[in-house]
Amino acid sequence: MKTGYAIALLSLPAFAVLTITHQGNAQRAPRAKVHALQATTDKTGEHPATAEIAGPATITCINAASETPNSQPPPSCNITAPGFKGIVKKGGTANATGAGTVTLTCSGQGYLRCDARIG
């Protein structure tokens, strides 16, 4: 077998593998931004958390905790966002209807910490 013919035969499978595995100009959809918010209350008062959103978004109350055992009412997230204002229990969600500022504060008794996620 001639050398040039052998090189051509070996090059063809290599070219096929490179062609199959090359993704070309494939584009991924942009990921939505996720914001994490944490608000607290302590002896000096409330320490709210804020974030700007560019459009409609889901806000989830991830955690709400109090240093006071068995406090009543149970700790929760107090969320103010475009199109929503209210208390969201741990694990609950709220839907913002447009662009604007999201503010998280904590509701409950004692020193509090609450966490929410936008996105």
Protein backbone atom coordinates (compact mmCIF):
# COMPACT_ATOMS: atom_id res chain seq x y z
CA MET A 1 0.00 0.00 0.00
CA LYS A 2 1.35 3.40 -0.90
CA THR A 3 2.11 5.84 1.92
CA GLY A 4 -0.11 8.65 0.56
CA TYR A 5 -3.07 6.29 0.26
CA ALA A 6 -2.58 5.02 3.85
CA ILE A 7 -2.42 8.57 5.24
CA ALA A 8 -5.62 9.47 3.40
CA LEU A 9 -7.39 6.41 4.82
CA LEU A 10 -6.31 7.24 8.38
CA SER A 11 -7.15 10.94 8.02
CA LEU A 12 -10.73 10.28 6.95
CA PRO A 13 -11.88 8.71 10.29
CA ALA A 14 -10.08 11.43 12.26
CA PHE A 15 -11.82 14.12 10.23
CA ALA A 16 -15.18 12.39 10.75
CA VAL A 17 -14.70 12.28 14.53
CA LEU A 18 -13.75 15.97 14.69
CA THR A 19 -16.73 16.93 12.52
CA ILE A 20 -19.19 14.97 14.66
CA THR A 21 -17.91 16.30 17.99
CA HIS A 22 -17.62 19.96 16.92
CA GLN A 23 -20.66 21.95 18.10
CA GLY A 24 -20.24 24.81 15.69
CA ASN A 25 -22.01 27.98 16.74
CA ALA A 26 -24.38 26.32 19.19
CA GLN A 27 -25.62 28.77 21.78
CA ARG A 28 -26.94 28.11 25.22
CA ALA A 29 -29.90 29.94 26.58
CA PRO A 30 -28.78 32.58 29.08
CA ARG A 31 -29.31 31.56 32.68
CA ALA A 32 -31.53 33.72 34.80
CA LYS A 33 -29.82 35.65 37.56
CA VAL A 34 -30.37 34.28 41.02
CA HIS A 35 -30.17 36.66 43.96
CA ALA A 36 -29.78 35.52 47.55
CA LEU A 37 -31.14 37.81 50.25
CA GLN A 38 -30.61 37.63 54.02
CA ALA A 39 -32.32 39.92 56.50
CA THR A 40 -31.92 40.01 60.29
CA THR A 41 -33.25 41.67 63.40
CA ASP A 42 -31.20 42.18 66.54
CA LYS A 43 -30.99 44.49 69.54
CA THR A 44 -30.26 47.46 67.24
CA GLY A 45 -33.33 46.85 65.05
CA GLU A 46 -34.21 45.55 61.59
CA HIS A 47 -31.61 44.98 58.89
CA PRO A 48 -33.54 44.45 55.63
CA ALA A 49 -32.08 43.09 52.40
CA THR A 50 -32.87 44.51 48.96
CA ALA A 51 -32.24 43.55 45.35
CA GLU A 52 -33.23 44.97 41.97
CA ILE A 53 -35.04 42.72 39.51
CA ALA A 54 -35.37 43.35 35.78
CA GLY A 55 -38.77 41.74 35.34
CA PRO A 56 -41.21 39.19 36.73
CA ALA A 57 -39.61 36.74 39.18
CA THR A 58 -40.40 34.11 41.77
CA ILE A 59 -39.21 34.80 45.32
CA THR A 60 -38.84 31.84 47.67
CA CYS A 61 -38.56 32.08 51.46
CA ILE A 62 -35.73 29.61 52.05
CA ASN A 63 -35.41 29.93 55.82
CA ALA A 64 -36.82 31.90 58.72
CA ALA A 65 -35.45 31.36 62.22
CA SER A 66 -35.74 32.92 65.66
CA GLU A 67 -33.49 32.62 68.69
CA THR A 68 -36.69 32.41 70.75
CA PRO A 69 -37.77 28.75 71.01
CA ASN A 70 -41.32 27.96 69.83
CA SER A 71 -42.03 31.62 69.12
CA GLN A 72 -45.58 32.52 68.09
CA PRO A 73 -46.25 33.48 65.40
CA PRO A 74 -43.60 31.30 63.74
CA PRO A 75 -40.79 33.23 62.01
CA SER A 76 -41.45 34.06 58.37
CA CYS A 77 -40.26 36.24 55.49
CA ASN A 78 -41.90 39.61 54.91
CA ILE A 79 -41.51 40.38 51.20
CA THR A 80 -42.27 43.58 49.33
CA ALA A 81 -41.89 43.39 45.55
CA PRO A 82 -43.60 44.81 42.45
CA GLY A 83 -47.11 43.37 42.58
CA PHE A 84 -46.67 41.64 45.95
CA LYS A 85 -46.56 42.70 49.58
CA GLY A 86 -47.03 40.19 52.36
CA ILE A 87 -45.77 37.45 54.64
CA VAL A 88 -44.39 34.25 53.12
CA LYS A 89 -43.90 31.16 55.29
CA LYS A 90 -40.69 29.14 55.15
CA GLY A 91 -40.73 27.19 51.87
CA GLY A 92 -43.42 29.41 50.35
CA THR A 93 -43.17 31.58 47.25
CA ALA A 94 -44.28 35.00 46.06
CA ASN A 95 -44.48 36.26 42.48
CA ALA A 96 -43.17 39.68 41.53
CA THR A 97 -45.03 40.99 38.48
CA GLY A 98 -42.42 43.34 37.02
CA ALA A 99 -39.15 45.19 37.36
CA GLY A 100 -38.26 47.02 40.57
CA THR A 101 -36.94 46.57 44.08
CA VAL A 102 -37.47 43.49 46.23
CA THR A 103 -37.19 44.05 49.98
CA LEU A 104 -36.91 41.25 52.53
CA THR A 105 -37.51 41.71 56.26
CA CYS A 106 -38.21 39.14 58.97
CA SER A 107 -41.48 38.64 60.84
CA GLY A 108 -41.75 36.99 64.25
CA GLN A 109 -40.52 37.39 67.82
CA GLY A 110 -37.00 37.67 69.16
CA TYR A 111 -33.80 38.02 67.17
CA LEU A 112 -34.55 36.79 63.65
CA ARG A 113 -32.77 35.72 60.50
CA CYS A 114 -34.52 35.01 57.22
CA ASP A 115 -33.23 34.02 53.80
CA ALA A 116 -34.91 34.29 50.41
CA ARG A 117 -33.94 33.50 46.83
CA ILE A 118 -35.05 35.40 43.74
CA GLY A 119 -35.00 33.47 40.51
